[in-house]
Amino acid sequence: MNPDGNPRRAPRAGAFTLAELLVVLAILSLLAALILPALRRSRTAARATVCISNLRQMGLAAQLYWDDHGGIAFVERGARTNNGWNYWFGWLEDGPEGSRRFEPASGALWPYLRHRGVEVCPALDRSDPGFKGKARGAAFGYGYNLRIGTRGVSGIAMAGVRAPAECAVFADCAQVNDFQAPASPDHPLLEEFHYFDLEGPTVHFRHGLRAKAWFVDGHVAGHPPAEGSEDPRLPSAHVARLPASLILP
């Protein structure tokens, strides 16, 4: 009892002082600062692993195609039909961007890939407000070497490739679009793209400023862009060109 006759209150057990709470918050902040970068690195590495797997499956499909067609590569774009074009990855309808029909079964690799879900790299963020789709749903987020599958003519004989370990067949690709709505010169947007060449920047360096590519000899590697080739219209997207030595067969 207190001298005034009131019951003595026992001190509250387990309560934190303000100083203790501040120490706990400081420790949690420190742990978050240590853990979050590691989580980001893990997510980035996981995306790169999936991308490598996608490219390897596409590469295996290409090798099967070459075996079935006398070693001749498929073309990047072939016949025109039903108000659209047959590309190497499928049929794509003409029309407004984002609402065009897309049919993958017309693509050269379809008999070997079917629906394996390898068409889009997970590092290509289609939900980003700065991204513009070309068709309803996903077409391909990878591009094909135009020097191997010459448009509308005939693919090259793969046996004639000068250095199989130095010639890229497929690579991470995208394009900066400022000429088709909803894109404009004042509002350039990133979109998927389907080939790469010595002209114009269409390779997407989305893995730590490197682009993954599958080479004729069957390996996958990441490469930086050719110096001075980055598209200045949307520098944050890191769209550029591969070095010529990795393109020319």
Protein backbone atom coordinates (compact mmCIF):
# COMPACT_ATOMS: atom_id res chain seq x y z
CA MET A 1 0.00 0.00 0.00
CA ASN A 2 1.07 3.59 -0.64
CA PRO A 3 1.15 6.00 2.33
CA ASP A 4 -2.16 7.47 1.10
CA GLY A 5 -3.80 4.06 1.39
CA ASN A 6 -4.04 3.33 -2.36
CA PRO A 7 -2.81 -0.03 -3.66
CA ARG A 8 0.75 0.04 -4.95
CA ARG A 9 0.88 -0.61 -8.69
CA ALA A 10 3.43 -3.16 -9.81
CA PRO A 11 5.65 -2.00 -12.68
CA ARG A 12 4.49 -3.19 -16.12
CA ALA A 13 6.57 -6.15 -17.21
CA GLY A 14 7.87 -6.33 -20.78
CA ALA A 15 7.17 -2.73 -21.79
CA PHE A 16 9.65 -1.00 -24.12
CA THR A 17 11.06 2.40 -23.47
CA LEU A 18 11.24 4.93 -26.29
CA ALA A 19 15.00 4.44 -26.49
CA GLU A 20 14.57 0.69 -26.84
CA LEU A 21 12.00 1.12 -29.61
CA LEU A 22 14.34 3.43 -31.49
CA VAL A 23 17.13 0.86 -31.21
CA VAL A 24 14.82 -1.89 -32.57
CA LEU A 25 13.74 0.33 -35.46
CA ALA A 26 17.35 1.12 -36.25
CA ILE A 27 18.22 -2.59 -36.30
CA LEU A 28 15.23 -3.39 -38.56
CA SER A 29 16.22 -0.61 -40.94
CA LEU A 30 19.76 -1.93 -41.07
CA LEU A 31 18.54 -5.47 -41.77
CA ALA A 32 16.24 -4.20 -44.53
CA ALA A 33 19.12 -2.28 -46.09
CA LEU A 34 21.16 -5.49 -46.12
CA ILE A 35 18.41 -7.88 -47.26
CA LEU A 36 16.57 -5.88 -49.95
CA PRO A 37 19.57 -5.55 -52.31
CA ALA A 38 20.17 -9.29 -51.94
CA LEU A 39 16.53 -9.98 -52.80
CA ARG A 40 16.78 -7.71 -55.84
CA ARG A 41 19.92 -9.50 -56.96
CA SER A 42 18.22 -12.86 -56.50
CA ARG A 43 15.22 -11.74 -58.55
CA THR A 44 17.49 -10.38 -61.28
CA ALA A 45 19.46 -13.63 -61.34
CA ALA A 46 16.25 -15.68 -61.50
CA ARG A 47 15.00 -13.66 -64.47
CA ALA A 48 18.32 -14.12 -66.26
CA THR A 49 18.16 -17.87 -65.63
CA VAL A 50 14.68 -18.10 -67.16
CA CYS A 51 15.81 -16.01 -70.13
CA ILE A 52 18.78 -18.32 -70.73
CA SER A 53 16.47 -21.33 -70.58
CA ASN A 54 14.09 -19.69 -73.08
CA LEU A 55 16.91 -18.99 -75.50
CA ARG A 56 18.30 -22.51 -75.21
CA GLN A 57 14.89 -24.01 -76.00
CA MET A 58 14.49 -21.70 -78.98
CA GLY A 59 18.00 -22.59 -80.11
CA LEU A 60 17.27 -26.31 -79.88
CA ALA A 61 14.10 -25.74 -81.93
CA ALA A 62 16.15 -23.87 -84.55
CA GLN A 63 18.66 -26.74 -84.75
CA LEU A 64 15.80 -29.19 -85.27
CA TYR A 65 14.44 -26.96 -88.02
CA TRP A 66 17.84 -26.84 -89.73
CA ASP A 67 18.09 -30.62 -89.55
CA ASP A 68 14.66 -30.97 -91.14
CA HIS A 69 15.36 -28.43 -93.90
CA GLY A 70 18.76 -29.39 -95.23
CA GLY A 71 20.68 -26.99 -93.00
CA ILE A 72 18.93 -23.90 -94.43
CA ALA A 73 17.75 -21.26 -91.96
CA PHE A 74 14.16 -20.01 -91.90
CA VAL A 75 13.41 -16.51 -93.14
CA GLU A 76 12.65 -13.60 -90.80
CA ARG A 77 9.47 -12.72 -92.72
CA GLY A 78 7.82 -14.74 -95.44
CA ALA A 79 4.47 -14.72 -97.19
CA ARG A 80 1.73 -12.15 -96.76
CA THR A 81 -1.71 -13.62 -95.99
CA ASN A 82 -5.05 -12.66 -94.40
CA ASN A 83 -4.14 -8.98 -94.03
CA GLY A 84 -0.94 -9.77 -92.22
CA TRP A 85 2.53 -11.26 -92.49
CA ASN A 86 3.99 -14.63 -91.61
CA TYR A 87 7.04 -13.89 -89.48
CA TRP A 88 9.47 -16.43 -88.07
CA PHE A 89 7.57 -16.35 -84.75
CA GLY A 90 4.04 -16.52 -86.22
CA TRP A 91 1.41 -14.60 -88.15
CA LEU A 92 0.80 -10.97 -87.16
CA GLU A 93 -2.16 -9.01 -88.44
CA ASP A 94 -2.00 -5.46 -89.78
CA GLY A 95 -3.89 -2.85 -87.81
CA PRO A 96 -3.81 -0.64 -84.72
CA GLU A 97 -1.02 -1.35 -82.29
CA GLY A 98 -2.01 -3.45 -79.32
CA SER A 99 -5.14 -4.87 -80.93
CA ARG A 100 -3.67 -6.85 -83.81
CA ARG A 101 -4.32 -10.57 -83.89
CA PHE A 102 -1.37 -12.89 -83.42
CA GLU A 103 -1.18 -16.58 -84.29
CA PRO A 104 2.01 -18.40 -83.27
CA ALA A 105 1.19 -21.65 -85.10
CA SER A 106 2.39 -20.10 -88.37
CA GLY A 107 5.90 -19.61 -87.02
CA ALA A 108 8.85 -21.68 -88.22
CA LEU A 109 9.62 -22.93 -84.72
CA TRP A 110 6.05 -23.82 -83.75
CA PRO A 111 6.30 -27.56 -84.57
CA TYR A 112 9.25 -27.81 -82.17
CA LEU A 113 8.15 -25.44 -79.38
CA ARG A 114 4.33 -25.40 -79.29
CA HIS A 115 3.13 -23.68 -76.08
CA ARG A 116 6.25 -23.85 -73.93
CA GLY A 117 5.99 -20.27 -72.69
CA VAL A 118 9.43 -19.28 -73.94
CA GLU A 119 8.30 -16.34 -76.05
CA VAL A 120 8.81 -13.53 -73.54
CA CYS A 121 11.80 -12.80 -71.34
CA PRO A 122 10.69 -12.15 -67.72
CA ALA A 123 12.94 -9.07 -67.65
CA LEU A 124 10.75 -7.48 -70.35
CA ASP A 125 8.13 -5.77 -68.19
CA ARG A 126 4.97 -5.68 -70.30
CA SER A 127 3.02 -4.08 -67.41
CA ASP A 128 5.25 -1.01 -67.35
CA PRO A 129 3.39 2.18 -68.42
CA GLY A 130 6.26 2.85 -70.81
CA PHE A 131 5.66 -0.39 -72.72
CA LYS A 132 3.48 -0.68 -75.83
CA GLY A 133 2.33 -4.08 -77.08
CA LYS A 134 2.21 -4.86 -80.80
CA ALA A 135 -0.58 -7.43 -80.60
CA ARG A 136 -3.29 -8.80 -78.34
CA GLY A 137 -1.32 -10.61 -75.70
CA ALA A 138 2.33 -11.44 -76.10
CA ALA A 139 4.15 -11.96 -79.36
CA PHE A 140 7.89 -12.63 -79.10
CA GLY A 141 10.24 -10.63 -76.87
CA TYR A 142 13.25 -12.08 -78.65
CA GLY A 143 14.66 -11.16 -82.04
CA TYR A 144 16.19 -13.16 -84.87
CA ASN A 145 19.36 -12.31 -86.76
CA LEU A 146 18.24 -10.78 -90.07
CA ARG A 147 21.57 -11.72 -91.66
CA ILE A 148 20.75 -15.40 -91.08
CA GLY A 149 17.09 -15.37 -92.09
CA THR A 150 17.11 -12.81 -94.90
CA ARG A 151 13.65 -11.26 -95.19
CA GLY A 152 11.52 -12.58 -98.04
CA VAL A 153 14.39 -14.33 -99.82
CA SER A 154 15.91 -17.42 -98.23
CA GLY A 155 17.79 -18.24 -95.08
CA ILE A 156 21.51 -18.92 -95.31
CA ALA A 157 23.16 -22.36 -95.24
CA MET A 158 24.16 -22.75 -91.59
CA ALA A 159 27.19 -24.86 -92.51
CA GLY A 160 28.71 -21.74 -94.04
CA VAL A 161 28.75 -19.67 -90.85
CA ARG A 162 32.35 -18.46 -90.41
CA ALA A 163 32.55 -18.74 -86.61
CA PRO A 164 29.59 -20.53 -84.94
CA ALA A 165 30.66 -19.43 -81.45
CA GLU A 166 30.63 -15.76 -82.51
CA CYS A 167 27.40 -15.55 -84.50
CA ALA A 168 24.21 -14.74 -82.56
CA VAL A 169 20.97 -16.26 -83.82
CA PHE A 170 18.48 -15.02 -81.19
CA ALA A 171 18.83 -12.15 -78.72
CA ASP A 172 16.84 -10.04 -76.27
CA CYS A 173 15.13 -7.50 -78.50
CA ALA A 174 12.89 -4.45 -78.25
CA GLN A 175 12.42 -1.21 -80.12
CA VAL A 176 11.76 2.40 -79.21
CA ASN A 177 8.57 3.45 -80.98
CA ASP A 178 7.66 7.11 -81.44
CA PHE A 179 5.62 6.81 -84.65
CA GLN A 180 2.61 4.58 -83.85
CA ALA A 181 -0.14 5.53 -81.39
CA PRO A 182 -0.21 5.54 -78.44
CA ALA A 183 3.48 6.40 -78.91
CA SER A 184 4.51 9.76 -80.38
CA PRO A 185 7.70 11.80 -80.85
CA ASP A 186 6.98 13.47 -77.50
CA HIS A 187 6.07 10.18 -75.84
CA PRO A 188 8.32 7.35 -77.07
CA LEU A 189 7.46 3.88 -75.80
CA LEU A 190 9.27 0.58 -75.62
CA GLU A 191 7.82 -2.30 -77.63
CA GLU A 192 8.78 -5.88 -78.43
CA PHE A 193 10.72 -6.33 -81.66
CA HIS A 194 11.52 -9.36 -83.73
CA TYR A 195 14.87 -9.04 -85.47
CA PHE A 196 18.28 -7.45 -85.14
CA ASP A 197 20.77 -6.34 -87.78
CA LEU A 198 23.57 -3.87 -88.38
CA GLU A 199 21.00 -1.13 -88.92
CA GLY A 200 19.10 0.63 -86.13
CA PRO A 201 19.10 -0.25 -82.42
CA THR A 202 16.73 -3.17 -81.74
CA VAL A 203 18.58 -5.22 -79.11
CA HIS A 204 17.39 -4.75 -75.53
CA PHE A 205 20.17 -4.71 -72.94
CA ARG A 206 17.85 -5.55 -70.06
CA HIS A 207 20.09 -7.80 -67.95
CA GLY A 208 22.41 -5.42 -66.15
CA LEU A 209 23.14 -3.50 -69.37
CA ARG A 210 23.75 -6.77 -71.20
CA ALA A 211 21.65 -8.67 -73.71
CA LYS A 212 21.40 -12.44 -73.66
CA ALA A 213 21.95 -14.17 -77.00
CA TRP A 214 21.97 -17.73 -78.32
CA PHE A 215 24.79 -18.55 -80.72
CA VAL A 216 25.07 -20.99 -83.62
CA ASP A 217 27.30 -23.34 -81.61
CA GLY A 218 24.56 -23.68 -78.95
CA HIS A 219 25.85 -21.52 -76.10
CA VAL A 220 24.08 -18.55 -74.47
CA ALA A 221 26.01 -15.49 -73.32
CA GLY A 222 25.39 -11.90 -72.28
CA HIS A 223 27.01 -9.07 -74.21
CA PRO A 224 27.23 -5.28 -73.83
CA PRO A 225 26.12 -3.00 -76.67
CA ALA A 226 28.25 -1.74 -79.50
CA GLU A 227 29.83 1.54 -78.44
CA GLY A 228 27.73 4.59 -79.31
CA SER A 229 24.76 2.56 -80.58
CA GLU A 230 22.20 3.30 -77.86
CA ASP A 231 18.86 4.77 -78.97
CA PRO A 232 18.81 8.36 -77.61
CA ARG A 233 15.01 8.64 -77.73
CA LEU A 234 14.56 6.53 -74.60
CA PRO A 235 17.94 6.13 -72.90
CA SER A 236 16.46 4.57 -69.76
CA ALA A 237 15.33 1.55 -71.83
CA HIS A 238 18.88 0.65 -72.95
CA VAL A 239 18.01 -0.29 -76.52
CA ALA A 240 21.09 -0.47 -78.72
CA ARG A 241 22.88 -2.75 -81.19
CA LEU A 242 25.13 -5.76 -80.79
CA PRO A 243 28.68 -5.45 -82.13
CA ALA A 244 28.89 -6.27 -85.82
CA SER A 245 31.21 -9.20 -85.11
CA LEU A 246 28.31 -10.98 -83.35
CA ILE A 247 25.84 -10.35 -86.19
CA LEU A 248 27.64 -11.09 -89.44
CA PRO A 249 27.54 -14.82 -90.25
